[in-house]
Protein backbone atom coordinates (compact mmCIF):
# COMPACT_ATOMS: atom_id res chain seq x y z
CA MET A 1 -18.20 -25.11 10.65
CA ASP A 2 -20.13 -24.86 13.90
CA LEU A 3 -19.62 -26.72 17.14
CA GLN A 4 -22.05 -29.53 16.28
CA ASP A 5 -20.15 -30.33 13.06
CA GLN A 6 -16.83 -30.33 14.90
CA LEU A 7 -18.21 -32.71 17.51
CA LYS A 8 -19.52 -35.04 14.78
CA ASN A 9 -16.05 -35.10 13.22
CA LEU A 10 -14.40 -35.89 16.54
CA PHE A 11 -16.95 -38.48 17.69
CA PRO A 12 -18.59 -40.07 14.61
CA GLU A 13 -20.20 -42.95 16.57
CA HIS A 14 -21.90 -40.70 19.13
CA VAL A 15 -25.64 -40.30 18.79
CA PRO A 16 -26.96 -37.21 20.63
CA SER A 17 -29.95 -37.83 22.85
CA ASP A 18 -33.18 -35.91 22.34
CA LYS A 19 -33.74 -35.48 26.06
CA GLU A 20 -33.32 -31.99 27.44
CA PRO A 21 -31.52 -31.71 30.75
CA SER A 22 -33.76 -31.22 33.74
CA LYS A 23 -34.31 -27.60 34.72
CA LEU A 24 -34.59 -28.55 38.38
CA GLU A 25 -31.44 -27.94 40.36
CA LYS A 26 -29.89 -30.85 42.22
CA THR A 27 -29.98 -30.20 45.94
CA ASP A 28 -29.06 -32.06 49.07
CA ILE A 29 -32.06 -30.52 50.82
CA TRP A 30 -34.96 -32.79 51.76
CA MET A 31 -37.98 -32.24 49.49
CA GLN A 32 -41.47 -32.34 50.98
CA GLU A 33 -44.99 -32.93 49.72
CA THR A 34 -46.77 -30.12 51.57
CA PRO A 35 -46.27 -26.55 50.31
CA ILE A 36 -44.02 -24.02 52.01
CA ILE A 37 -46.10 -21.04 53.11
CA CYS A 38 -44.83 -17.65 51.92
CA LYS A 39 -46.36 -14.81 53.98
CA TYR A 40 -46.05 -11.04 53.86
CA GLU A 41 -46.21 -8.92 57.02
CA LYS A 42 -45.27 -5.49 58.23
CA ARG A 43 -43.41 -5.19 61.50
CA LYS A 44 -42.77 -1.72 62.87
CA GLY A 45 -43.78 -0.31 59.48
CA LYS A 46 -41.22 -2.35 57.52
CA PRO A 47 -42.16 -5.17 55.12
CA ILE A 48 -40.92 -8.71 55.72
CA THR A 49 -41.44 -12.05 54.01
CA ILE A 50 -41.87 -15.13 56.18
CA LEU A 51 -41.40 -18.73 55.01
CA GLU A 52 -42.79 -21.49 57.20
CA GLY A 53 -44.09 -25.02 56.98
CA TYR A 54 -40.85 -26.88 56.17
CA THR A 55 -40.93 -30.32 57.75
CA GLY A 56 -37.31 -31.35 57.14
CA ALA A 57 -34.26 -30.89 59.31
CA ASP A 58 -33.40 -27.48 60.73
CA SER A 59 -29.96 -27.61 59.15
CA ASP A 60 -31.51 -27.98 55.67
CA PHE A 61 -33.86 -25.05 56.31
CA LYS A 62 -30.90 -22.95 57.47
CA LYS A 63 -29.04 -23.79 54.24
CA LEU A 64 -32.09 -22.74 52.27
CA ALA A 65 -32.30 -19.48 54.25
CA LYS A 66 -28.66 -18.68 53.55
CA GLU A 67 -29.07 -19.43 49.85
CA LEU A 68 -32.17 -17.22 49.56
CA LYS A 69 -30.50 -14.33 51.37
CA THR A 70 -27.45 -14.63 49.13
CA LYS A 71 -29.41 -14.79 45.87
CA LEU A 72 -31.64 -11.87 46.82
CA SER A 73 -28.83 -9.85 48.47
CA VAL A 74 -30.96 -9.06 51.50
CA GLY A 75 -30.81 -9.57 55.23
CA GLY A 76 -32.84 -12.01 57.21
CA SER A 77 -32.82 -14.61 59.94
CA PHE A 78 -33.92 -18.11 60.90
CA LYS A 79 -36.03 -18.27 64.07
CA ASP A 80 -38.62 -20.70 65.45
CA ASP A 81 -38.66 -22.87 62.28
CA LYS A 82 -39.32 -19.79 60.12
CA ILE A 83 -37.18 -17.91 57.63
CA ILE A 84 -37.62 -14.15 57.92
CA ILE A 85 -36.43 -12.12 54.90
CA GLN A 86 -36.29 -8.32 55.03
CA GLY A 87 -38.50 -6.81 52.32
CA ASP A 88 -41.33 -8.02 50.10
CA TYR A 89 -39.70 -10.69 47.93
CA ARG A 90 -42.55 -13.19 47.72
CA ASP A 91 -42.53 -13.51 43.93
CA GLN A 92 -38.77 -13.99 43.62
CA ILE A 93 -38.65 -16.43 46.56
CA MET A 94 -41.49 -18.48 45.13
CA GLU A 95 -39.71 -18.66 41.75
CA ILE A 96 -36.46 -19.79 43.39
CA LEU A 97 -38.22 -22.45 45.50
CA GLU A 98 -40.24 -23.77 42.56
CA ALA A 99 -37.06 -24.00 40.46
CA LYS A 100 -35.63 -26.19 43.23
CA GLY A 101 -38.73 -28.43 43.15
CA PHE A 102 -40.63 -27.18 46.19
CA THR A 103 -44.32 -26.34 46.12
CA THR A 104 -45.24 -22.99 47.59
CA LYS A 105 -48.39 -21.28 48.73
CA ARG A 106 -48.78 -17.50 48.80
CA VAL A 107 -50.57 -16.11 51.86
CA GLY A 108 -51.48 -12.51 52.67
CA GLY A 109 -51.73 -9.43 50.49
């Protein structure tokens, strides 16, 4: 007897819905229409990834910066309305942002 059968025995009136849960994560960050620009640069010979173009509040962008740095386990900073991440993590950052519902645009390299 699997879990579905056990649930049917416990709740015989329940009809399971066919809808799949949304894959987008719920966030308290303001979503925008224009894409966030994801750039790659080298400064002093070291690669960095720069995110810019967010039009929401600075506090929301700072939360996003902290979350990205934590998920990627890298260093970085938030300066002049830009998130600077140490290393070339454009692909992973774009996947994380698109999973949250943002649109992104890859620039450079």
